[in-house]
């Protein structure tokens, strides 16, 4: 089980970095960060439509991966956390008093 959590954490960090990088590389009405690195001729690399469709798919994939790993890691953290006092549950008295 611990190896699954480790793998999920690694995938989560990689998805986070990929999502950040892909969003920064997308060109908006300006040129985006992609223009700063000299990729003004993205049509030659990604075809006539440019990289908009390619980056949109990468963004969606990274976002879905990030959300799935977030839910999984949150679920595992909740399952492993000690139970807190909830409404309707009795809380043991402090024996030190």
Protein backbone atom coordinates (compact mmCIF):
# COMPACT_ATOMS: atom_id res chain seq x y z
CA UNK A 1 0.00 0.00 0.00
CA UNK A 2 2.84 2.40 0.77
CA UNK A 3 4.29 1.87 -2.70
CA UNK A 4 0.96 2.88 -4.25
CA UNK A 5 0.96 6.09 -2.23
CA UNK A 6 4.54 6.81 -3.30
CA UNK A 7 3.66 6.22 -6.96
CA UNK A 8 0.57 8.43 -6.64
CA UNK A 9 2.65 11.22 -5.11
CA UNK A 10 5.22 11.02 -7.91
CA UNK A 11 2.49 11.08 -10.56
CA UNK A 12 0.82 13.98 -8.74
CA UNK A 13 4.01 16.08 -8.72
CA UNK A 14 4.73 15.27 -12.38
CA UNK A 15 1.16 16.20 -13.36
CA UNK A 16 1.49 19.45 -11.42
CA UNK A 17 4.73 20.35 -13.18
CA UNK A 18 3.34 19.34 -16.57
CA UNK A 19 0.17 21.37 -16.03
CA UNK A 20 2.18 24.43 -15.03
CA UNK A 21 4.51 24.09 -18.00
CA UNK A 22 1.78 23.47 -20.56
CA UNK A 23 -0.28 26.43 -19.36
CA UNK A 24 2.75 28.71 -19.53
CA UNK A 25 3.64 27.51 -23.02
CA UNK A 26 0.21 28.27 -24.45
CA UNK A 27 0.03 31.37 -26.56
CA UNK A 28 -2.77 33.83 -25.93
CA UNK A 29 -3.43 37.05 -27.83
CA UNK A 30 0.11 38.05 -26.99
CA UNK A 31 2.64 35.35 -27.69
CA UNK A 32 2.70 33.71 -24.28
CA UNK A 33 5.82 32.32 -22.73
CA UNK A 34 6.32 30.22 -25.85
CA UNK A 35 7.27 33.35 -27.78
CA UNK A 36 9.95 34.20 -25.25
CA UNK A 37 11.84 31.05 -26.21
CA UNK A 38 11.70 31.77 -29.92
CA UNK A 39 8.82 29.50 -30.85
CA UNK A 40 7.14 32.13 -32.96
CA UNK A 41 7.14 29.69 -35.87
CA UNK A 42 5.05 27.06 -34.08
CA UNK A 43 3.18 26.45 -37.32
CA UNK A 44 6.22 24.69 -38.74
CA UNK A 45 6.44 22.34 -35.78
CA UNK A 46 2.77 21.65 -35.05
CA UNK A 47 1.20 22.11 -38.47
CA UNK A 48 -0.98 24.89 -39.92
CA UNK A 49 -3.31 25.04 -36.93
CA UNK A 50 -0.37 25.62 -34.62
CA UNK A 51 -0.08 24.17 -31.18
CA UNK A 52 -3.45 25.26 -29.80
CA UNK A 53 -5.14 21.88 -30.22
CA UNK A 54 -2.08 19.97 -29.05
CA UNK A 55 -1.60 22.09 -25.92
CA UNK A 56 -5.33 21.97 -25.15
CA UNK A 57 -5.21 18.17 -25.10
CA UNK A 58 -2.07 18.17 -22.96
CA UNK A 59 -3.67 20.65 -20.56
CA UNK A 60 -6.81 18.56 -20.24
CA UNK A 61 -4.83 15.36 -19.67
CA UNK A 62 -2.59 16.94 -17.05
CA UNK A 63 -5.58 18.52 -15.29
CA UNK A 64 -7.51 15.24 -15.16
CA UNK A 65 -4.44 13.39 -13.87
CA UNK A 66 -3.88 16.09 -11.25
CA UNK A 67 -7.51 15.92 -10.07
CA UNK A 68 -7.58 12.11 -9.89
CA UNK A 69 -4.36 11.95 -7.89
CA UNK A 70 -5.59 14.77 -5.64
CA UNK A 71 -8.78 12.86 -4.84
CA UNK A 72 -6.86 9.63 -4.29
CA UNK A 73 -4.28 11.19 -1.98
CA UNK A 74 -7.00 13.01 -0.05
CA UNK A 75 -8.98 9.79 0.33
CA UNK A 76 -5.92 7.93 1.60
CA UNK A 77 -5.07 10.76 4.01
CA UNK A 78 -8.62 10.67 5.40
CA UNK A 79 -8.51 6.91 5.77
CA UNK A 80 -5.21 7.02 7.66
CA UNK A 81 -5.97 10.05 9.83
CA UNK A 82 -7.07 9.50 13.41
CA UNK A 83 -10.77 10.04 13.85
CA UNK A 84 -11.60 13.47 15.14
CA UNK A 85 -14.50 14.24 17.44
CA UNK A 86 -17.63 14.62 15.36
CA UNK A 87 -21.07 15.87 16.36
CA UNK A 88 -22.98 13.16 18.16
CA UNK A 89 -19.86 11.33 19.37
CA UNK A 90 -18.79 11.38 22.96
CA UNK A 91 -15.33 12.78 23.66
CA UNK A 92 -13.42 11.15 26.52
CA UNK A 93 -12.81 13.41 29.50
CA UNK A 94 -9.29 14.59 30.19
CA UNK A 95 -7.99 12.28 32.97
CA UNK A 96 -5.37 14.83 34.06
CA UNK A 97 -7.98 17.06 35.68
